[in-house]
Amino acid sequence: DFRPATRRIDPPRPYLSDLAVDPNHRRQGIATTLIQKCEALAQTNTKNKNKSLYIRVEQANDAAVQMYEQFQYQQMEHDVFGVEDTTVLLRKDFDDTSTDEKKEDDDDANDDDNMEQEDAPVLD
């Protein structure tokens, strides 16, 4: 979502939300591919001046938080989602590496990890 935030409680942008893979289709690299495609869009979209991507995940969804941390997302403090929020806000900053080079690097690094990452998370 690249729309500008208009209220204080809006999530920072761009923002990836509600990524889930059907349990029958996990362990096939689907979540990895979806994340990489979203990251490529965030890196190349001219509206994304900060070259970052944010993700909101339920704090109790340990598998999802761990998966995103494997993709170098870092937890950050936030107050944008309400008074009694149960979510974690994660952020990944991108460098100036071209999208094609980054994708090749990610593909190489994730080939062995795809099977482990796909079976656990269902993101809220």
C-alpha atoms as a PDB file:
ATOM      1  CA  ASP A   1       0.000   0.000   0.000  1.00  0.00           C
ATOM      2  CA  PHE A   2       1.711   3.165  -1.196  1.00  0.00           C
ATOM      3  CA  ARG A   3      -1.106   5.570  -0.278  1.00  0.00           C
ATOM      4  CA  PRO A   4       0.085   8.426   1.919  1.00  0.00           C
ATOM      5  CA  ALA A   5      -0.793   8.172   5.587  1.00  0.00           C
ATOM      6  CA  THR A   6      -3.440  10.746   6.404  1.00  0.00           C
ATOM      7  CA  ARG A   7      -4.112  10.025  10.080  1.00  0.00           C
ATOM      8  CA  ARG A   8      -1.784   9.533  13.024  1.00  0.00           C
ATOM      9  CA  ILE A   9      -3.016   5.955  13.448  1.00  0.00           C
ATOM     10  CA  ASP A  10      -2.326   5.021   9.809  1.00  0.00           C
ATOM     11  CA  PRO A  11       0.538   2.586   9.278  1.00  0.00           C
ATOM     12  CA  PRO A  12       3.752   3.920   7.785  1.00  0.00           C
ATOM     13  CA  ARG A  13       3.984   3.385   4.045  1.00  0.00           C
ATOM     14  CA  PRO A  14       4.638   1.295   2.032  1.00  0.00           C
ATOM     15  CA  TYR A  15       2.999  -1.358   4.088  1.00  0.00           C
ATOM     16  CA  LEU A  16       2.631  -5.117   3.525  1.00  0.00           C
ATOM     17  CA  SER A  17      -0.402  -6.595   5.222  1.00  0.00           C
ATOM     18  CA  ASP A  18      -2.263  -9.880   5.553  1.00  0.00           C
ATOM     19  CA  LEU A  19       0.178 -12.193   3.817  1.00  0.00           C
ATOM     20  CA  ALA A  20      -0.935 -15.798   4.248  1.00  0.00           C
ATOM     21  CA  VAL A  21      -0.310 -19.077   2.459  1.00  0.00           C
ATOM     22  CA  ASP A  22      -2.915 -21.823   2.503  1.00  0.00           C
ATOM     23  CA  PRO A  23      -1.661 -24.728   4.641  1.00  0.00           C
ATOM     24  CA  ASN A  24      -2.048 -27.081   1.666  1.00  0.00           C
ATOM     25  CA  HIS A  25       0.381 -24.986  -0.386  1.00  0.00           C
ATOM     26  CA  ARG A  26       3.110 -24.237   2.146  1.00  0.00           C
ATOM     27  CA  ARG A  27       6.733 -25.338   1.842  1.00  0.00           C
ATOM     28  CA  GLN A  28       6.760 -24.458  -1.849  1.00  0.00           C
ATOM     29  CA  GLY A  29       8.437 -21.034  -1.675  1.00  0.00           C
ATOM     30  CA  ILE A  30       5.178 -19.104  -2.091  1.00  0.00           C
ATOM     31  CA  ALA A  31       5.630 -16.771   0.907  1.00  0.00           C
ATOM     32  CA  THR A  32       9.251 -16.135  -0.085  1.00  0.00           C
ATOM     33  CA  THR A  33       8.212 -15.251  -3.635  1.00  0.00           C
ATOM     34  CA  LEU A  34       5.420 -12.956  -2.449  1.00  0.00           C
ATOM     35  CA  ILE A  35       7.737 -11.156  -0.028  1.00  0.00           C
ATOM     36  CA  GLN A  36      10.423 -10.735  -2.683  1.00  0.00           C
ATOM     37  CA  LYS A  37       7.882  -9.320  -5.170  1.00  0.00           C
ATOM     38  CA  CYS A  38       6.608  -6.834  -2.581  1.00  0.00           C
ATOM     39  CA  GLU A  39      10.176  -5.843  -1.725  1.00  0.00           C
ATOM     40  CA  ALA A  40      10.957  -5.315  -5.426  1.00  0.00           C
ATOM     41  CA  LEU A  41       7.912  -3.044  -5.746  1.00  0.00           C
ATOM     42  CA  ALA A  42       8.941  -1.108  -2.637  1.00  0.00           C
ATOM     43  CA  GLN A  43      12.468  -0.649  -3.993  1.00  0.00           C
ATOM     44  CA  THR A  44      11.408   0.571  -7.425  1.00  0.00           C
ATOM     45  CA  ASN A  45       8.276   2.599  -6.650  1.00  0.00           C
ATOM     46  CA  THR A  46       9.040   6.291  -6.977  1.00  0.00           C
ATOM     47  CA  LYS A  47       6.557   7.130  -4.193  1.00  0.00           C
ATOM     48  CA  ASN A  48       8.738   5.228  -1.706  1.00  0.00           C
ATOM     49  CA  LYS A  49      11.237   7.972  -0.871  1.00  0.00           C
ATOM     50  CA  ASN A  50      12.578   6.165   2.212  1.00  0.00           C
ATOM     51  CA  LYS A  51      13.269   2.889   0.356  1.00  0.00           C
ATOM     52  CA  SER A  52      11.750   0.911   3.219  1.00  0.00           C
ATOM     53  CA  LEU A  53       8.956  -1.612   3.646  1.00  0.00           C
ATOM     54  CA  TYR A  54       6.840  -2.004   6.786  1.00  0.00           C
ATOM     55  CA  ILE A  55       4.976  -5.078   7.967  1.00  0.00           C
ATOM     56  CA  ARG A  56       2.502  -5.426  10.801  1.00  0.00           C
ATOM     57  CA  VAL A  57       2.258  -8.865  12.432  1.00  0.00           C
ATOM     58  CA  GLU A  58       0.369 -10.176  15.438  1.00  0.00           C
ATOM     59  CA  GLN A  59       2.838 -10.298  18.311  1.00  0.00           C
ATOM     60  CA  ALA A  60       1.669 -13.815  19.247  1.00  0.00           C
ATOM     61  CA  ASN A  61       2.491 -15.117  15.745  1.00  0.00           C
ATOM     62  CA  ASP A  62       6.058 -16.097  16.631  1.00  0.00           C
ATOM     63  CA  ALA A  63       6.579 -18.056  13.409  1.00  0.00           C
ATOM     64  CA  ALA A  64       5.721 -15.050  11.244  1.00  0.00           C
ATOM     65  CA  VAL A  65       7.865 -12.646  13.284  1.00  0.00           C
ATOM     66  CA  GLN A  66      10.813 -15.063  13.055  1.00  0.00           C
ATOM     67  CA  MET A  67      10.336 -15.510   9.307  1.00  0.00           C
ATOM     68  CA  TYR A  68      10.375 -11.753   8.699  1.00  0.00           C
ATOM     69  CA  GLU A  69      13.438 -11.377  10.905  1.00  0.00           C
ATOM     70  CA  GLN A  70      15.165 -13.945   8.657  1.00  0.00           C
ATOM     71  CA  PHE A  71      14.423 -11.517   5.799  1.00  0.00           C
ATOM     72  CA  GLN A  72      16.220  -8.775   7.823  1.00  0.00           C
ATOM     73  CA  TYR A  73      13.078  -7.007   9.051  1.00  0.00           C
ATOM     74  CA  GLN A  74      13.604  -5.337  12.400  1.00  0.00           C
ATOM     75  CA  GLN A  75      11.041  -4.725  15.108  1.00  0.00           C
ATOM     76  CA  MET A  76      10.402  -1.102  15.935  1.00  0.00           C
ATOM     77  CA  GLU A  77       8.433   0.765  18.548  1.00  0.00           C
ATOM     78  CA  HIS A  78       5.138   2.208  17.376  1.00  0.00           C
ATOM     79  CA  ASP A  79       1.963   3.822  18.606  1.00  0.00           C
ATOM     80  CA  VAL A  80       0.107   4.050  15.331  1.00  0.00           C
ATOM     81  CA  PHE A  81      -2.326   1.137  15.588  1.00  0.00           C
ATOM     82  CA  GLY A  82      -4.382   2.001  18.627  1.00  0.00           C
ATOM     83  CA  VAL A  83      -4.285   1.971  22.397  1.00  0.00           C
ATOM     84  CA  GLU A  84      -4.511  -1.801  22.994  1.00  0.00           C
ATOM     85  CA  ASP A  85      -2.559  -3.043  20.026  1.00  0.00           C
ATOM     86  CA  THR A  86      -1.353  -6.645  19.904  1.00  0.00           C
ATOM     87  CA  THR A  87       0.844  -6.275  16.841  1.00  0.00           C
ATOM     88  CA  VAL A  88       4.518  -5.841  16.094  1.00  0.00           C
ATOM     89  CA  LEU A  89       5.668  -3.351  13.489  1.00  0.00           C
ATOM     90  CA  LEU A  90       8.657  -4.464  11.445  1.00  0.00           C
ATOM     91  CA  ARG A  91      10.721  -2.433   9.001  1.00  0.00           C
ATOM     92  CA  LYS A  92      13.252  -3.287   6.334  1.00  0.00           C
ATOM     93  CA  ASP A  93      15.440  -0.642   4.745  1.00  0.00           C
ATOM     94  CA  PHE A  94      16.783  -1.238   1.257  1.00  0.00           C
ATOM     95  CA  ASP A  95      20.162  -0.168  -0.015  1.00  0.00           C
ATOM     96  CA  ASP A  96      20.889   1.136  -3.508  1.00  0.00           C
ATOM     97  CA  THR A  97      21.518  -2.347  -4.937  1.00  0.00           C
ATOM     98  CA  SER A  98      19.532  -2.855  -8.104  1.00  0.00           C
ATOM     99  CA  THR A  99      16.422  -5.006  -7.834  1.00  0.00           C
ATOM    100  CA  ASP A 100      17.758  -7.638 -10.249  1.00  0.00           C
ATOM    101  CA  GLU A 101      21.027  -8.017  -8.338  1.00  0.00           C
ATOM    102  CA  LYS A 102      19.187  -8.133  -5.027  1.00  0.00           C
ATOM    103  CA  LYS A 103      16.744 -10.759  -6.315  1.00  0.00           C
ATOM    104  CA  GLU A 104      19.619 -12.959  -7.500  1.00  0.00           C
ATOM    105  CA  ASP A 105      21.298 -12.636  -4.104  1.00  0.00           C
ATOM    106  CA  ASP A 106      18.025 -13.369  -2.291  1.00  0.00           C
ATOM    107  CA  ASP A 107      17.313 -16.378  -4.517  1.00  0.00           C
ATOM    108  CA  ASP A 108      20.743 -17.837  -3.791  1.00  0.00           C
ATOM    109  CA  ALA A 109      20.459 -17.195  -0.059  1.00  0.00           C
ATOM    110  CA  ASN A 110      16.917 -18.498   0.259  1.00  0.00           C
ATOM    111  CA  ASP A 111      17.066 -21.645  -1.886  1.00  0.00           C
ATOM    112  CA  ASP A 112      17.987 -23.798   1.104  1.00  0.00           C
ATOM    113  CA  ASP A 113      15.738 -21.932   3.543  1.00  0.00           C
ATOM    114  CA  ASN A 114      12.495 -21.949   1.552  1.00  0.00           C
ATOM    115  CA  MET A 115      11.317 -25.287   2.862  1.00  0.00           C
ATOM    116  CA  GLU A 116      11.794 -24.264   6.481  1.00  0.00           C
ATOM    117  CA  GLN A 117      10.149 -20.850   6.118  1.00  0.00           C
ATOM    118  CA  GLU A 118       6.996 -21.856   4.324  1.00  0.00           C
ATOM    119  CA  ASP A 119       5.362 -24.191   6.797  1.00  0.00           C
ATOM    120  CA  ALA A 120       4.785 -21.994   9.822  1.00  0.00           C
ATOM    121  CA  PRO A 121       3.407 -18.491   9.477  1.00  0.00           C
ATOM    122  CA  VAL A 122      -0.119 -17.343   8.899  1.00  0.00           C
ATOM    123  CA  LEU A 123      -0.068 -13.584   9.077  1.00  0.00           C
ATOM    124  CA  ASP A 124      -2.912 -11.518  10.452  1.00  0.00           C
END
